[in-house]
Amino acid sequence: MSIPPNIENVKPRRKYQSKLREAQAAATRQAIVDAALAAFLEHGYIGATMKKIADSAGVVVETIYRVFDGKAGLFKAAVEAAVAGGTRRAERPVEDRPAIRAVIDEPDPRRKIERYADTQPGIQARLQPLYQTLAEAAAVQPELAEIRDQLETQRLHGMARFAQDLAQAGGLRPEMTVDEARDLLWTINSHAVYRMLITDRGWTPERYRNWLATTLAYALLPTPSRST
């Protein structure tokens, strides 16, 4: 018995249509985040209205509210895109990003720290104007204070993963716990420290990178044994 043509191709067509809708939704989300990031950088949090962002992204304001948890949630997505180096990278798992993959795959703990330090000047520079906007707006926008806390919690979890990676590579002092290493990484690599050294003290990105690699290695790695 033959299958009627109108039934034969239902499943393939539905699967294709589903993938098409997913691709369109991803493209819409990326366009919104790109537009939001540019608007926040140019106009600040208050000045970057949802109407401006929607017009730039080629969508209506209601679409933004359907995709994101309000303006604060959109700002968080913009910060995450800045950290990743773009909206497309932000959609990928952290461990799949090339620079982070290079850190994970590096077997030598000292080189692992150096590779990690290589990534930080660029990330911190992209965050600088957004964190300034966040600090200014959080004082009058209570929902942004919560976003700031969420971002710091995410950063703490990231430092925990890096500390565990170093521990598995034999890269922590014998007396140091993973939690202690996490807290040291979280503190030394904070944006506040970057801002003080780069903005307030006028360090170059290269000097900051070298200081970060040296300081983290001194704080975390076992002390080399000296031959007598």
Protein backbone atom coordinates (compact mmCIF):
# COMPACT_ATOMS: atom_id res chain seq x y z
CA MET A 1 0.00 0.00 0.00
CA SER A 2 1.49 3.36 -1.00
CA ILE A 3 1.68 6.30 1.39
CA PRO A 4 -0.32 9.34 0.27
CA PRO A 5 1.97 12.23 -0.79
CA ASN A 6 0.44 14.59 1.74
CA ILE A 7 1.48 12.29 4.60
CA GLU A 8 4.80 11.07 3.26
CA ASN A 9 6.75 14.30 3.78
CA VAL A 10 5.17 15.67 6.95
CA LYS A 11 7.97 14.79 9.35
CA PRO A 12 10.90 16.03 7.20
CA ARG A 13 9.09 19.30 6.51
CA ARG A 14 8.31 19.87 10.19
CA LYS A 15 11.91 19.17 11.14
CA TYR A 16 13.15 21.61 8.53
CA GLN A 17 10.68 24.27 9.63
CA SER A 18 11.69 23.79 13.26
CA LYS A 19 15.38 24.29 12.44
CA LEU A 20 14.52 27.33 10.36
CA ARG A 21 12.58 28.89 13.22
CA GLU A 22 15.48 28.19 15.62
CA ALA A 23 17.94 29.83 13.24
CA GLN A 24 15.67 32.86 12.83
CA ALA A 25 15.22 33.16 16.60
CA ALA A 26 18.99 32.98 17.14
CA ALA A 27 19.60 35.62 14.47
CA THR A 28 16.98 37.89 16.05
CA ARG A 29 18.54 37.49 19.48
CA GLN A 30 22.01 38.27 18.14
CA ALA A 31 20.74 41.36 16.33
CA ILE A 32 19.08 42.63 19.51
CA VAL A 33 22.17 42.05 21.66
CA ASP A 34 24.44 43.70 19.07
CA ALA A 35 22.15 46.71 18.94
CA ALA A 36 21.88 46.85 22.73
CA LEU A 37 25.62 46.66 23.23
CA ALA A 38 26.20 49.53 20.80
CA ALA A 39 23.40 51.59 22.40
CA PHE A 40 24.60 51.06 25.97
CA LEU A 41 28.13 52.05 24.99
CA GLU A 42 26.96 55.18 23.17
CA HIS A 43 24.09 56.38 25.36
CA GLY A 44 24.57 54.71 28.76
CA TYR A 45 21.90 52.65 30.46
CA ILE A 46 19.25 55.36 30.81
CA GLY A 47 19.82 56.87 27.38
CA ALA A 48 19.71 53.54 25.56
CA THR A 49 15.93 53.29 25.31
CA MET A 50 14.24 50.11 24.26
CA LYS A 51 12.82 51.98 21.26
CA LYS A 52 16.33 52.94 20.08
CA ILE A 53 17.53 49.37 20.51
CA ALA A 54 14.52 47.90 18.74
CA ASP A 55 14.83 50.30 15.79
CA SER A 56 18.54 49.50 15.43
CA ALA A 57 17.88 45.75 15.58
CA GLY A 58 15.00 45.95 13.11
CA VAL A 59 12.40 44.58 15.53
CA VAL A 60 9.53 45.93 17.60
CA VAL A 61 9.95 46.63 21.31
CA GLU A 62 7.58 43.80 22.21
CA THR A 63 9.98 41.31 20.59
CA ILE A 64 12.76 42.39 22.94
CA TYR A 65 10.54 41.83 25.96
CA ARG A 66 9.62 38.38 24.67
CA VAL A 67 13.26 37.37 24.26
CA PHE A 68 14.82 39.00 27.32
CA ASP A 69 13.87 39.63 30.94
CA GLY A 70 13.39 43.36 30.47
CA LYS A 71 16.07 45.99 29.97
CA ALA A 72 18.20 44.74 32.85
CA GLY A 73 18.27 41.24 31.39
CA LEU A 74 19.25 42.70 28.03
CA PHE A 75 22.11 44.62 29.65
CA LYS A 76 23.34 41.38 31.24
CA ALA A 77 23.31 39.71 27.82
CA ALA A 78 25.30 42.63 26.41
CA VAL A 79 27.93 42.26 29.14
CA GLU A 80 28.18 38.52 28.49
CA ALA A 81 28.64 39.23 24.77
CA ALA A 82 31.42 41.69 25.60
CA VAL A 83 33.17 39.09 27.76
CA ALA A 84 32.93 36.49 25.00
CA GLY A 85 34.09 38.87 22.31
CA GLY A 86 30.83 38.88 20.35
CA THR A 87 27.24 37.68 20.44
CA ARG A 88 27.93 34.51 18.45
CA ARG A 89 30.72 33.47 20.81
CA ALA A 90 28.48 34.21 23.79
CA GLU A 91 25.99 31.62 22.52
CA ARG A 92 28.65 28.88 22.60
CA PRO A 93 29.66 26.99 25.78
CA VAL A 94 32.59 28.71 27.48
CA GLU A 95 34.85 25.70 27.06
CA ASP A 96 34.28 25.75 23.28
CA ARG A 97 35.72 29.23 22.84
CA PRO A 98 39.22 28.92 21.29
CA ALA A 99 41.12 30.96 23.88
CA ILE A 100 39.49 29.17 26.80
CA ARG A 101 39.98 25.80 25.10
CA ALA A 102 43.69 26.60 24.82
CA VAL A 103 43.84 27.24 28.58
CA ILE A 104 42.02 24.00 29.38
CA ASP A 105 44.14 21.90 27.01
CA GLU A 106 47.48 23.30 28.22
CA PRO A 107 49.05 20.63 30.49
CA ASP A 108 51.69 22.84 32.15
CA PRO A 109 50.22 24.87 35.06
CA ARG A 110 52.49 27.89 34.56
CA ARG A 111 51.74 28.05 30.85
CA LYS A 112 48.06 27.55 31.68
CA ILE A 113 48.16 30.70 33.84
CA GLU A 114 50.05 32.58 31.14
CA ARG A 115 47.50 31.62 28.50
CA TYR A 116 44.74 32.73 30.84
CA ALA A 117 46.49 36.06 31.47
CA ASP A 118 46.72 36.56 27.70
CA THR A 119 42.92 36.70 27.49
CA GLN A 120 42.36 39.25 30.21
CA PRO A 121 43.45 42.66 28.85
CA GLY A 122 41.03 42.36 25.93
CA ILE A 123 38.15 41.15 28.06
CA GLN A 124 38.67 43.82 30.71
CA ALA A 125 38.98 46.57 28.10
CA ARG A 126 35.65 45.54 26.55
CA LEU A 127 34.04 45.49 30.00
CA GLN A 128 35.41 48.86 31.13
CA PRO A 129 32.68 51.15 29.71
CA LEU A 130 29.91 48.67 30.49
CA TYR A 131 30.99 48.28 34.11
CA GLN A 132 31.19 52.04 34.45
CA THR A 133 27.64 52.28 33.12
CA LEU A 134 26.57 49.50 35.48
CA ALA A 135 28.10 51.23 38.51
CA GLU A 136 26.40 54.52 37.68
CA ALA A 137 22.99 53.08 36.86
CA ALA A 138 22.84 50.54 39.71
CA ALA A 139 22.58 53.41 42.18
CA VAL A 140 19.19 54.43 40.78
CA GLN A 141 18.05 51.21 39.12
CA PRO A 142 17.58 48.48 41.78
CA GLU A 143 17.25 45.72 39.18
CA LEU A 144 20.77 46.48 37.95
CA ALA A 145 22.22 45.88 41.39
CA GLU A 146 20.83 42.35 41.11
CA ILE A 147 22.35 41.97 37.63
CA ARG A 148 25.72 43.11 39.02
CA ASP A 149 25.50 40.43 41.71
CA GLN A 150 24.57 37.79 39.12
CA LEU A 151 27.55 38.71 36.96
CA GLU A 152 29.91 38.48 39.93
CA THR A 153 28.45 35.11 40.87
CA GLN A 154 29.04 33.88 37.32
CA ARG A 155 32.61 35.16 37.48
CA LEU A 156 33.15 33.39 40.80
CA HIS A 157 31.92 30.12 39.28
CA GLY A 158 34.29 30.63 36.36
CA MET A 159 37.20 31.13 38.74
CA ALA A 160 36.17 27.94 40.55
CA ARG A 161 36.38 25.99 37.29
CA PHE A 162 39.81 27.45 36.57
CA ALA A 163 41.01 26.65 40.10
CA GLN A 164 39.81 23.06 39.71
CA ASP A 165 41.56 22.84 36.34
CA LEU A 166 44.81 24.01 37.93
CA ALA A 167 44.41 21.54 40.79
CA GLN A 168 43.93 18.63 38.38
CA ALA A 169 47.08 19.71 36.54
CA GLY A 170 49.03 19.71 39.82
CA GLY A 171 49.29 23.47 39.77
CA LEU A 172 48.28 24.45 43.32
CA ARG A 173 50.40 24.75 46.42
CA PRO A 174 50.07 21.60 48.57
CA GLU A 175 48.44 23.52 51.42
CA MET A 176 45.99 25.40 49.20
CA THR A 177 42.39 24.30 48.68
CA VAL A 178 40.50 24.77 45.45
CA ASP A 179 38.14 27.19 47.22
CA GLU A 180 41.05 29.32 48.39
CA ALA A 181 42.53 29.34 44.88
CA ARG A 182 39.13 30.34 43.52
CA ASP A 183 38.92 33.29 45.91
CA LEU A 184 42.43 34.46 45.05
CA LEU A 185 41.67 34.28 41.33
CA TRP A 186 38.39 36.12 41.83
CA THR A 187 40.12 38.92 43.75
CA ILE A 188 43.35 39.37 41.77
CA ASN A 189 41.54 39.20 38.45
CA SER A 190 38.71 41.55 39.41
CA HIS A 191 37.76 44.41 37.13
CA ALA A 192 38.37 46.81 40.03
CA VAL A 193 42.05 45.83 40.10
CA TYR A 194 42.29 46.21 36.31
CA ARG A 195 40.69 49.67 36.50
CA MET A 196 43.04 50.82 39.25
CA LEU A 197 46.15 49.70 37.38
CA ILE A 198 45.16 50.66 33.84
CA THR A 199 42.99 53.73 34.36
CA ASP A 200 44.24 55.16 37.64
CA ARG A 201 47.92 54.25 37.42
CA GLY A 202 48.31 54.35 33.65
CA TRP A 203 49.67 50.83 33.11
CA THR A 204 49.79 49.47 29.58
CA PRO A 205 47.77 46.34 28.74
CA GLU A 206 51.03 44.43 28.26
CA ARG A 207 52.32 45.43 31.69
CA TYR A 208 48.99 44.43 33.24
CA ARG A 209 49.07 41.08 31.47
CA ASN A 210 52.62 40.35 32.66
CA TRP A 211 51.80 41.41 36.21
CA LEU A 212 48.68 39.21 36.25
CA ALA A 213 50.58 36.14 35.02
CA THR A 214 53.42 36.68 37.52
CA THR A 215 51.13 37.43 40.47
CA LEU A 216 48.84 34.46 39.87
CA ALA A 217 51.80 32.11 39.45
CA TYR A 218 53.37 33.37 42.69
CA ALA A 219 50.09 33.11 44.61
CA LEU A 220 48.96 29.71 43.35
CA LEU A 221 51.79 27.54 42.09
CA PRO A 222 54.03 25.40 44.31
CA THR A 223 57.29 27.06 45.23
CA PRO A 224 60.08 25.58 43.08
CA SER A 225 62.47 23.46 45.14
CA ARG A 226 66.01 24.81 45.34
CA SER A 227 68.94 22.51 44.77
CA THR A 228 71.51 22.58 47.58
